[in-house]
Amino acid sequence: MKRNFGYLALLLVVFSIACGSMNRVTPGEWDKTSMEADVRGKVAAAVPGKTFDIGVTVSDSRVVTLKGDVDNDADRRAIADAAQSVNGVRSVVNNITIRR
């Protein structure tokens, strides 16, 4: 019984480490495509209804540019904060406009 518990604990530790590293671009291996995918994933998590309404481009200097329309300033800020939280992003240019 103790042996099974040890295997279960080890499995849970490995699983938690794997989940923590998913969707993360490491500084040594970033490229524009993977960084864009990571930003889109963060946008989807921050504001799920705007996933396909927001355009994301990444420059060679790791500057993320956001374009699109949202309903309020809270969504605009949440999307920019989500993009900024991606590992490797140097800065975010927020060109998202608020619909009136």
PDB file of N, CA and C in Angstrom:
ATOM      1  N   MET A   1       0.824  -1.197   0.000  1.00  0.00           N
ATOM      2  CA  MET A   1       0.000   0.000   0.000  1.00  0.00           C
ATOM      3  C   MET A   1       0.869   1.262   0.000  1.00  0.00           C
ATOM      4  N   LYS A   2       1.946   1.243   0.800  1.00  0.00           N
ATOM      5  CA  LYS A   2       2.836   2.401   0.828  1.00  0.00           C
ATOM      6  C   LYS A   2       3.520   2.598  -0.527  1.00  0.00           C
ATOM      7  N   ARG A   3       3.821   1.489  -1.184  1.00  0.00           N
ATOM      8  CA  ARG A   3       4.471   1.563  -2.484  1.00  0.00           C
ATOM      9  C   ARG A   3       3.543   2.211  -3.509  1.00  0.00           C
ATOM     10  N   ASN A   4       2.269   1.862  -3.502  1.00  0.00           N
ATOM     11  CA  ASN A   4       1.303   2.457  -4.426  1.00  0.00           C
ATOM     12  C   ASN A   4       1.141   3.943  -4.167  1.00  0.00           C
ATOM     13  N   PHE A   5       1.145   4.324  -2.911  1.00  0.00           N
ATOM     14  CA  PHE A   5       1.035   5.739  -2.558  1.00  0.00           C
ATOM     15  C   PHE A   5       2.258   6.504  -3.070  1.00  0.00           C
ATOM     16  N   GLY A   6       3.425   5.908  -2.973  1.00  0.00           N
ATOM     17  CA  GLY A   6       4.651   6.546  -3.462  1.00  0.00           C
ATOM     18  C   GLY A   6       4.602   6.765  -4.964  1.00  0.00           C
ATOM     19  N   TYR A   7       4.118   5.753  -5.702  1.00  0.00           N
ATOM     20  CA  TYR A   7       3.982   5.900  -7.151  1.00  0.00           C
ATOM     21  C   TYR A   7       2.969   6.980  -7.508  1.00  0.00           C
ATOM     22  N   LEU A   8       1.874   7.014  -6.776  1.00  0.00           N
ATOM     23  CA  LEU A   8       0.846   8.025  -7.026  1.00  0.00           C
ATOM     24  C   LEU A   8       1.390   9.424  -6.758  1.00  0.00           C
ATOM     25  N   ALA A   9       2.126   9.576  -5.661  1.00  0.00           N
ATOM     26  CA  ALA A   9       2.704  10.880  -5.336  1.00  0.00           C
ATOM     27  C   ALA A   9       3.693  11.311  -6.413  1.00  0.00           C
ATOM     28  N   LEU A  10       4.520  10.391  -6.884  1.00  0.00           N
ATOM     29  CA  LEU A  10       5.481  10.704  -7.937  1.00  0.00           C
ATOM     30  C   LEU A  10       4.768  11.095  -9.232  1.00  0.00           C
ATOM     31  N   LEU A  11       3.726  10.362  -9.569  1.00  0.00           N
ATOM     32  CA  LEU A  11       2.951  10.673 -10.766  1.00  0.00           C
ATOM     33  C   LEU A  11       2.330  12.066 -10.676  1.00  0.00           C
ATOM     34  N   LEU A  12       1.802  12.406  -9.523  1.00  0.00           N
ATOM     35  CA  LEU A  12       1.196  13.732  -9.350  1.00  0.00           C
ATOM     36  C   LEU A  12       2.225  14.849  -9.451  1.00  0.00           C
ATOM     37  N   VAL A  13       3.407  14.632  -8.928  1.00  0.00           N
ATOM     38  CA  VAL A  13       4.469  15.640  -9.013  1.00  0.00           C
ATOM     39  C   VAL A  13       4.884  15.844 -10.474  1.00  0.00           C
ATOM     40  N   VAL A  14       5.089  14.752 -11.193  1.00  0.00           N
ATOM     41  CA  VAL A  14       5.479  14.856 -12.599  1.00  0.00           C
ATOM     42  C   VAL A  14       4.377  15.542 -13.407  1.00  0.00           C
ATOM     43  N   PHE A  15       3.136  15.175 -13.152  1.00  0.00           N
ATOM     44  CA  PHE A  15       2.014  15.788 -13.858  1.00  0.00           C
ATOM     45  C   PHE A  15       1.928  17.280 -13.582  1.00  0.00           C
ATOM     46  N   SER A  16       2.117  17.690 -12.329  1.00  0.00           N
ATOM     47  CA  SER A  16       2.021  19.115 -12.004  1.00  0.00           C
ATOM     48  C   SER A  16       3.151  19.909 -12.642  1.00  0.00           C
ATOM     49  N   ILE A  17       4.330  19.326 -12.724  1.00  0.00           N
ATOM     50  CA  ILE A  17       5.445  20.011 -13.388  1.00  0.00           C
ATOM     51  C   ILE A  17       5.158  20.153 -14.882  1.00  0.00           C
ATOM     52  N   ALA A  18       4.638  19.097 -15.484  1.00  0.00           N
ATOM     53  CA  ALA A  18       4.327  19.148 -16.915  1.00  0.00           C
ATOM     54  C   ALA A  18       3.256  20.177 -17.208  1.00  0.00           C
ATOM     55  N   CYS A  19       2.224  20.239 -16.375  1.00  0.00           N
ATOM     56  CA  CYS A  19       1.149  21.211 -16.595  1.00  0.00           C
ATOM     57  C   CYS A  19       1.643  22.637 -16.400  1.00  0.00           C
ATOM     58  N   GLY A  20       2.544  22.838 -15.475  1.00  0.00           N
ATOM     59  CA  GLY A  20       3.079  24.167 -15.227  1.00  0.00           C
ATOM     60  C   GLY A  20       3.935  24.688 -16.358  1.00  0.00           C
ATOM     61  N   SER A  21       4.517  23.778 -17.136  1.00  0.00           N
ATOM     62  CA  SER A  21       5.386  24.218 -18.214  1.00  0.00           C
ATOM     63  C   SER A  21       4.683  24.261 -19.560  1.00  0.00           C
ATOM     64  N   MET A  22       3.435  23.844 -19.626  1.00  0.00           N
ATOM     65  CA  MET A  22       2.709  23.884 -20.893  1.00  0.00           C
ATOM     66  C   MET A  22       2.434  25.320 -21.296  1.00  0.00           C
ATOM     67  N   ASN A  23       2.466  25.558 -22.572  1.00  0.00           N
ATOM     68  CA  ASN A  23       2.135  26.875 -23.123  1.00  0.00           C
ATOM     69  C   ASN A  23       3.108  27.953 -22.663  1.00  0.00           C
ATOM     70  N   ARG A  24       4.330  27.605 -22.430  1.00  0.00           N
ATOM     71  CA  ARG A  24       5.318  28.589 -22.023  1.00  0.00           C
ATOM     72  C   ARG A  24       6.456  28.589 -23.027  1.00  0.00           C
ATOM     73  N   VAL A  25       6.837  29.751 -23.454  1.00  0.00           N
ATOM     74  CA  VAL A  25       7.972  29.887 -24.352  1.00  0.00           C
ATOM     75  C   VAL A  25       9.178  30.197 -23.488  1.00  0.00           C
ATOM     76  N   THR A  26      10.213  29.403 -23.595  1.00  0.00           N
ATOM     77  CA  THR A  26      11.414  29.683 -22.810  1.00  0.00           C
ATOM     78  C   THR A  26      12.284  30.649 -23.591  1.00  0.00           C
ATOM     79  N   PRO A  27      13.009  31.515 -22.893  1.00  0.00           N
ATOM     80  CA  PRO A  27      13.792  32.540 -23.588  1.00  0.00           C
ATOM     81  C   PRO A  27      14.781  31.980 -24.604  1.00  0.00           C
ATOM     82  N   GLY A  28      15.308  30.790 -24.396  1.00  0.00           N
ATOM     83  CA  GLY A  28      16.281  30.247 -25.315  1.00  0.00           C
ATOM     84  C   GLY A  28      15.682  29.696 -26.585  1.00  0.00           C
ATOM     85  N   GLU A  29      14.393  29.443 -26.616  1.00  0.00           N
ATOM     86  CA  GLU A  29      13.817  28.798 -27.786  1.00  0.00           C
ATOM     87  C   GLU A  29      12.625  29.536 -28.375  1.00  0.00           C
ATOM     88  N   TRP A  30      12.481  30.805 -28.092  1.00  0.00           N
ATOM     89  CA  TRP A  30      11.311  31.531 -28.583  1.00  0.00           C
ATOM     90  C   TRP A  30      11.427  31.722 -30.090  1.00  0.00           C
ATOM     91  N   ASP A  31      10.309  31.762 -30.700  1.00  0.00           N
ATOM     92  CA  ASP A  31      10.193  32.204 -32.078  1.00  0.00           C
ATOM     93  C   ASP A  31       8.838  32.884 -32.199  1.00  0.00           C
ATOM     94  N   LYS A  32       8.646  33.586 -33.288  1.00  0.00           N
ATOM     95  CA  LYS A  32       7.427  34.387 -33.426  1.00  0.00           C
ATOM     96  C   LYS A  32       6.164  33.534 -33.390  1.00  0.00           C
ATOM     97  N   THR A  33       6.195  32.382 -34.013  1.00  0.00           N
ATOM     98  CA  THR A  33       5.004  31.540 -34.091  1.00  0.00           C
ATOM     99  C   THR A  33       4.611  30.991 -32.717  1.00  0.00           C
ATOM    100  N   SER A  34       5.580  30.483 -31.987  1.00  0.00           N
ATOM    101  CA  SER A  34       5.254  29.923 -30.670  1.00  0.00           C
ATOM    102  C   SER A  34       4.855  31.016 -29.686  1.00  0.00           C
ATOM    103  N   MET A  35       5.481  32.174 -29.789  1.00  0.00           N
ATOM    104  CA  MET A  35       5.112  33.271 -28.899  1.00  0.00           C
ATOM    105  C   MET A  35       3.696  33.763 -29.218  1.00  0.00           C
ATOM    106  N   GLU A  36       3.361  33.834 -30.502  1.00  0.00           N
ATOM    107  CA  GLU A  36       2.011  34.243 -30.894  1.00  0.00           C
ATOM    108  C   GLU A  36       0.975  33.247 -30.373  1.00  0.00           C
ATOM    109  N   ALA A  37       1.276  31.971 -30.470  1.00  0.00           N
ATOM    110  CA  ALA A  37       0.357  30.943 -29.966  1.00  0.00           C
ATOM    111  C   ALA A  37       0.192  31.057 -28.461  1.00  0.00           C
ATOM    112  N   ASP A  38       1.275  31.342 -27.754  1.00  0.00           N
ATOM    113  CA  ASP A  38       1.207  31.491 -26.306  1.00  0.00           C
ATOM    114  C   ASP A  38       0.375  32.714 -25.932  1.00  0.00           C
ATOM    115  N   VAL A  39       0.550  33.818 -26.665  1.00  0.00           N
ATOM    116  CA  VAL A  39      -0.247  35.026 -26.403  1.00  0.00           C
ATOM    117  C   VAL A  39      -1.718  34.745 -26.675  1.00  0.00           C
ATOM    118  N   ARG A  40      -2.024  34.077 -27.769  1.00  0.00           N
ATOM    119  CA  ARG A  40      -3.428  33.748 -28.077  1.00  0.00           C
ATOM    120  C   ARG A  40      -4.036  32.862 -26.988  1.00  0.00           C
ATOM    121  N   GLY A  41      -3.261  31.944 -26.462  1.00  0.00           N
ATOM    122  CA  GLY A  41      -3.748  31.107 -25.367  1.00  0.00           C
ATOM    123  C   GLY A  41      -4.047  31.909 -24.121  1.00  0.00           C
ATOM    124  N   LYS A  42      -3.177  32.855 -23.807  1.00  0.00           N
ATOM    125  CA  LYS A  42      -3.403  33.717 -22.643  1.00  0.00           C
ATOM    126  C   LYS A  42      -4.614  34.622 -22.855  1.00  0.00           C
ATOM    127  N   VAL A  43      -4.800  35.124 -24.073  1.00  0.00           N
ATOM    128  CA  VAL A  43      -5.972  35.958 -24.382  1.00  0.00           C
ATOM    129  C   VAL A  43      -7.242  35.139 -24.233  1.00  0.00           C
ATOM    130  N   ALA A  44      -7.205  33.904 -24.713  1.00  0.00           N
ATOM    131  CA  ALA A  44      -8.374  33.024 -24.596  1.00  0.00           C
ATOM    132  C   ALA A  44      -8.716  32.756 -23.140  1.00  0.00           C
ATOM    133  N   ALA A  45      -7.713  32.638 -22.303  1.00  0.00           N
ATOM    134  CA  ALA A  45      -7.960  32.397 -20.883  1.00  0.00           C
ATOM    135  C   ALA A  45      -8.455  33.665 -20.179  1.00  0.00           C
ATOM    136  N   ALA A  46      -7.947  34.823 -20.598  1.00  0.00           N
ATOM    137  CA  ALA A  46      -8.312  36.080 -19.932  1.00  0.00           C
ATOM    138  C   ALA A  46      -9.708  36.552 -20.321  1.00  0.00           C
ATOM    139  N   VAL A  47     -10.012  36.531 -21.611  1.00  0.00           N
ATOM    140  CA  VAL A  47     -11.298  37.015 -22.129  1.00  0.00           C
ATOM    141  C   VAL A  47     -11.769  36.017 -23.190  1.00  0.00           C
ATOM    142  N   PRO A  48     -12.404  34.916 -22.775  1.00  0.00           N
ATOM    143  CA  PRO A  48     -12.740  33.835 -23.713  1.00  0.00           C
ATOM    144  C   PRO A  48     -13.582  34.260 -24.914  1.00  0.00           C
ATOM    145  N   GLY A  49     -14.461  35.205 -24.764  1.00  0.00           N
ATOM    146  CA  GLY A  49     -15.331  35.594 -25.865  1.00  0.00           C
ATOM    147  C   GLY A  49     -14.638  36.385 -26.956  1.00  0.00           C
ATOM    148  N   LYS A  50     -13.421  36.820 -26.733  1.00  0.00           N
ATOM    149  CA  LYS A  50     -12.710  37.668 -27.693  1.00  0.00           C
ATOM    150  C   LYS A  50     -11.532  36.973 -28.353  1.00  0.00           C
ATOM    151  N   THR A  51     -11.449  35.678 -28.226  1.00  0.00           N
ATOM    152  CA  THR A  51     -10.301  34.933 -28.733  1.00  0.00           C
ATOM    153  C   THR A  51     -10.051  35.180 -30.207  1.00  0.00           C
ATOM    154  N   PHE A  52     -11.092  35.149 -31.022  1.00  0.00           N
ATOM    155  CA  PHE A  52     -10.914  35.286 -32.467  1.00  0.00           C
ATOM    156  C   PHE A  52     -11.099  36.722 -32.950  1.00  0.00           C
ATOM    157  N   ASP A  53     -11.474  37.633 -32.062  1.00  0.00           N
ATOM    158  CA  ASP A  53     -11.659  39.033 -32.434  1.00  0.00           C
ATOM    159  C   ASP A  53     -10.385  39.855 -32.286  1.00  0.00           C
ATOM    160  N   ILE A  54      -9.368  39.289 -31.676  1.00  0.00           N
ATOM    161  CA  ILE A  54      -8.138  40.022 -31.399  1.00  0.00           C
ATOM    162  C   ILE A  54      -7.027  39.516 -32.304  1.00  0.00           C
ATOM    163  N   GLY A  55      -6.418  40.459 -33.018  1.00  0.00           N
ATOM    164  CA  GLY A  55      -5.281  40.116 -33.868  1.00  0.00           C
ATOM    165  C   GLY A  55      -3.996  40.229 -33.065  1.00  0.00           C
ATOM    166  N   VAL A  56      -3.117  39.274 -33.244  1.00  0.00           N
ATOM    167  CA  VAL A  56      -1.849  39.250 -32.518  1.00  0.00           C
ATOM    168  C   VAL A  56      -0.719  39.110 -33.525  1.00  0.00           C
ATOM    169  N   THR A  57       0.233  40.035 -33.472  1.00  0.00           N
ATOM    170  CA  THR A  57       1.445  39.906 -34.276  1.00  0.00           C
ATOM    171  C   THR A  57       2.646  40.066 -33.356  1.00  0.00           C
ATOM    172  N   VAL A  58       3.713  39.370 -33.707  1.00  0.00           N
ATOM    173  CA  VAL A  58       4.940  39.416 -32.913  1.00  0.00           C
ATOM    174  C   VAL A  58       6.078  39.809 -33.838  1.00  0.00           C
ATOM    175  N   SER A  59       6.822  40.818 -33.443  1.00  0.00           N
ATOM    176  CA  SER A  59       7.955  41.259 -34.254  1.00  0.00           C
ATOM    177  C   SER A  59       9.204  40.455 -33.886  1.00  0.00           C
ATOM    178  N   ASP A  60      10.250  40.612 -34.695  1.00  0.00           N
ATOM    179  CA  ASP A  60      11.516  39.929 -34.419  1.00  0.00           C
ATOM    180  C   ASP A  60      12.131  40.379 -33.097  1.00  0.00           C
ATOM    181  N   SER A  61      11.781  41.569 -32.656  1.00  0.00           N
ATOM    182  CA  SER A  61      12.317  42.073 -31.387  1.00  0.00           C
ATOM    183  C   SER A  61      11.414  41.727 -30.204  1.00  0.00           C
ATOM    184  N   ARG A  62      10.497  40.774 -30.407  1.00  0.00           N
ATOM    185  CA  ARG A  62       9.600  40.260 -29.364  1.00  0.00           C
ATOM    186  C   ARG A  62       8.618  41.310 -28.830  1.00  0.00           C
ATOM    187  N   VAL A  63       8.200  42.212 -29.700  1.00  0.00           N
ATOM    188  CA  VAL A  63       7.164  43.189 -29.370  1.00  0.00           C
ATOM    189  C   VAL A  63       5.848  42.648 -29.907  1.00  0.00           C
ATOM    190  N   VAL A  64       4.858  42.528 -29.028  1.00  0.00           N
ATOM    191  CA  VAL A  64       3.547  42.006 -29.407  1.00  0.00           C
ATOM    192  C   VAL A  64       2.625  43.178 -29.710  1.00  0.00           C
ATOM    193  N   THR A  65       1.970  43.135 -30.864  1.00  0.00           N
ATOM    194  CA  THR A  65       0.994  44.151 -31.232  1.00  0.00           C
ATOM    195  C   THR A  65      -0.386  43.514 -31.235  1.00  0.00           C
ATOM    196  N   LEU A  66      -1.317  44.141 -30.527  1.00  0.00           N
ATOM    197  CA  LEU A  66      -2.693  43.659 -30.416  1.00  0.00           C
ATOM    198  C   LEU A  66      -3.607  44.590 -31.182  1.00  0.00           C
ATOM    199  N   LYS A  67      -4.546  44.015 -31.955  1.00  0.00           N
ATOM    200  CA  LYS A  67      -5.520  44.805 -32.707  1.00  0.00           C
ATOM    201  C   LYS A  67      -6.887  44.180 -32.519  1.00  0.00           C
ATOM    202  N   GLY A  68      -7.910  44.985 -32.628  1.00  0.00           N
ATOM    203  CA  GLY A  68      -9.271  44.481 -32.555  1.00  0.00           C
ATOM    204  C   GLY A  68     -10.176  45.406 -31.779  1.00  0.00           C
ATOM    205  N   ASP A  69     -11.376  44.930 -31.513  1.00  0.00           N
ATOM    206  CA  ASP A  69     -12.387  45.709 -30.790  1.00  0.00           C
ATOM    207  C   ASP A  69     -12.887  44.907 -29.599  1.00  0.00           C
ATOM    208  N   VAL A  70     -13.124  45.615 -28.496  1.00  0.00           N
ATOM    209  CA  VAL A  70     -13.732  45.002 -27.309  1.00  0.00           C
ATOM    210  C   VAL A  70     -14.853  45.900 -26.819  1.00  0.00           C
ATOM    211  N   ASP A  71     -15.631  45.376 -25.882  1.00  0.00           N
ATOM    212  CA  ASP A  71     -16.786  46.116 -25.387  1.00  0.00           C
ATOM    213  C   ASP A  71     -16.452  47.105 -24.273  1.00  0.00           C
ATOM    214  N   ASN A  72     -15.375  46.864 -23.528  1.00  0.00           N
ATOM    215  CA  ASN A  72     -15.079  47.752 -22.395  1.00  0.00           C
ATOM    216  C   ASN A  72     -13.581  47.799 -22.118  1.00  0.00           C
ATOM    217  N   ASP A  73     -13.199  48.753 -21.282  1.00  0.00           N
ATOM    218  CA  ASP A  73     -11.791  48.965 -20.963  1.00  0.00           C
ATOM    219  C   ASP A  73     -11.220  47.826 -20.125  1.00  0.00           C
ATOM    220  N   ALA A  74     -12.046  47.172 -19.320  1.00  0.00           N
ATOM    221  CA  ALA A  74     -11.564  46.062 -18.498  1.00  0.00           C
ATOM    222  C   ALA A  74     -11.069  44.920 -19.381  1.00  0.00           C
ATOM    223  N   ASP A  75     -11.802  44.608 -20.452  1.00  0.00           N
ATOM    224  CA  ASP A  75     -11.360  43.566 -21.384  1.00  0.00           C
ATOM    225  C   ASP A  75     -10.080  43.987 -22.091  1.00  0.00           C
ATOM    226  N   ARG A  76     -10.009  45.251 -22.475  1.00  0.00           N
ATOM    227  CA  ARG A  76      -8.817  45.765 -23.157  1.00  0.00           C
ATOM    228  C   ARG A  76      -7.585  45.613 -22.279  1.00  0.00           C
ATOM    229  N   ARG A  77      -7.715  45.984 -21.007  1.00  0.00           N
ATOM    230  CA  ARG A  77      -6.593  45.852 -20.069  1.00  0.00           C
ATOM    231  C   ARG A  77      -6.250  44.394 -19.786  1.00  0.00           C
ATOM    232  N   ALA A  78      -7.275  43.551 -19.634  1.00  0.00           N
ATOM    233  CA  ALA A  78      -7.039  42.136 -19.345  1.00  0.00           C
ATOM    234  C   ALA A  78      -6.277  41.458 -20.485  1.00  0.00           C
ATOM    235  N   ILE A  79      -6.610  41.803 -21.709  1.00  0.00           N
ATOM    236  CA  ILE A  79      -5.928  41.216 -22.868  1.00  0.00           C
ATOM    237  C   ILE A  79      -4.477  41.687 -22.926  1.00  0.00           C
ATOM    238  N   ALA A  80      -4.250  42.963 -22.695  1.00  0.00           N
ATOM    239  CA  ALA A  80      -2.881  43.480 -22.706  1.00  0.00           C
ATOM    240  C   ALA A  80      -2.053  42.868 -21.578  1.00  0.00           C
ATOM    241  N   ASP A  81      -2.642  42.739 -20.400  1.00  0.00           N
ATOM    242  CA  ASP A  81      -1.929  42.120 -19.272  1.00  0.00           C
ATOM    243  C   ASP A  81      -1.608  40.662 -19.560  1.00  0.00           C
ATOM    244  N   ALA A  82      -2.551  39.964 -20.198  1.00  0.00           N
ATOM    245  CA  ALA A  82      -2.313  38.561 -20.553  1.00  0.00           C
ATOM    246  C   ALA A  82      -1.164  38.444 -21.543  1.00  0.00           C
ATOM    247  N   ALA A  83      -1.124  39.319 -22.529  1.00  0.00           N
ATOM    248  CA  ALA A  83      -0.041  39.294 -23.514  1.00  0.00           C
ATOM    249  C   ALA A  83       1.299  39.606 -22.856  1.00  0.00           C
ATOM    250  N   GLN A  84       1.307  40.558 -21.955  1.00  0.00           N
ATOM    251  CA  GLN A  84       2.543  40.945 -21.277  1.00  0.00           C
ATOM    252  C   GLN A  84       3.060  39.828 -20.373  1.00  0.00           C
ATOM    253  N   SER A  85       2.177  38.962 -19.899  1.00  0.00           N
ATOM    254  CA  SER A  85       2.586  37.908 -18.976  1.00  0.00           C
ATOM    255  C   SER A  85       3.282  36.733 -19.663  1.00  0.00           C
ATOM    256  N   VAL A  86       3.286  36.710 -20.981  1.00  0.00           N
ATOM    257  CA  VAL A  86       3.943  35.628 -21.710  1.00  0.00           C
ATOM    258  C   VAL A  86       5.454  35.780 -21.582  1.00  0.00           C
ATOM    259  N   ASN A  87       6.089  34.687 -21.268  1.00  0.00           N
ATOM    260  CA  ASN A  87       7.538  34.672 -21.098  1.00  0.00           C
ATOM    261  C   ASN A  87       8.224  35.028 -22.414  1.00  0.00           C
ATOM    262  N   GLY A  88       9.124  36.013 -22.370  1.00  0.00           N
ATOM    263  CA  GLY A  88       9.860  36.422 -23.557  1.00  0.00           C
ATOM    264  C   GLY A  88       9.344  37.676 -24.221  1.00  0.00           C
ATOM    265  N   VAL A  89       8.137  38.117 -23.889  1.00  0.00           N
ATOM    266  CA  VAL A  89       7.581  39.336 -24.484  1.00  0.00           C
ATOM    267  C   VAL A  89       8.289  40.543 -23.884  1.00  0.00           C
ATOM    268  N   ARG A  90       8.849  41.371 -24.750  1.00  0.00           N
ATOM    269  CA  ARG A  90       9.545  42.573 -24.258  1.00  0.00           C
ATOM    270  C   ARG A  90       8.580  43.719 -23.994  1.00  0.00           C
ATOM    271  N   SER A  91       7.625  43.913 -24.908  1.00  0.00           N
ATOM    272  CA  SER A  91       6.627  44.956 -24.704  1.00  0.00           C
ATOM    273  C   SER A  91       5.383  44.631 -25.518  1.00  0.00           C
ATOM    274  N   VAL A  92       4.289  45.336 -25.176  1.00  0.00           N
ATOM    275  CA  VAL A  92       3.002  45.128 -25.836  1.00  0.00           C
ATOM    276  C   VAL A  92       2.520  46.469 -26.375  1.00  0.00           C
ATOM    277  N   VAL A  93       2.166  46.503 -27.652  1.00  0.00           N
ATOM    278  CA  VAL A  93       1.548  47.672 -28.258  1.00  0.00           C
ATOM    279  C   VAL A  93       0.054  47.346 -28.336  1.00  0.00           C
ATOM    280  N   ASN A  94      -0.725  48.056 -27.540  1.00  0.00           N
ATOM    281  CA  ASN A  94      -2.151  47.766 -27.430  1.00  0.00           C
ATOM    282  C   ASN A  94      -2.942  48.691 -28.348  1.00  0.00           C
ATOM    283  N   ASN A  95      -3.294  48.205 -29.531  1.00  0.00           N
ATOM    284  CA  ASN A  95      -4.105  48.966 -30.490  1.00  0.00           C
ATOM    285  C   ASN A  95      -5.557  48.501 -30.465  1.00  0.00           C
ATOM    286  N   ILE A  96      -5.983  47.927 -29.373  1.00  0.00           N
ATOM    287  CA  ILE A  96      -7.363  47.471 -29.244  1.00  0.00           C
ATOM    288  C   ILE A  96      -8.232  48.677 -28.954  1.00  0.00           C
ATOM    289  N   THR A  97      -9.351  48.792 -29.675  1.00  0.00           N
ATOM    290  CA  THR A  97     -10.260  49.906 -29.463  1.00  0.00           C
ATOM    291  C   THR A  97     -11.521  49.412 -28.739  1.00  0.00           C
ATOM    292  N   ILE A  98     -12.170  50.356 -28.078  1.00  0.00           N
ATOM    293  CA  ILE A  98     -13.395  50.057 -27.345  1.00  0.00           C
ATOM    294  C   ILE A  98     -14.575  50.485 -28.210  1.00  0.00           C
ATOM    295  N   ARG A  99     -15.491  49.552 -28.442  1.00  0.00           N
ATOM    296  CA  ARG A  99     -16.689  49.877 -29.225  1.00  0.00           C
ATOM    297  C   ARG A  99     -17.581  50.800 -28.424  1.00  0.00           C
ATOM    298  N   ARG A 100     -18.148  51.744 -29.074  1.00  0.00           N
ATOM    299  CA  ARG A 100     -19.070  52.678 -28.400  1.00  0.00           C
ATOM    300  C   ARG A 100     -20.468  52.467 -28.868  1.00  0.00           C
TER     301      ARG A 100
END
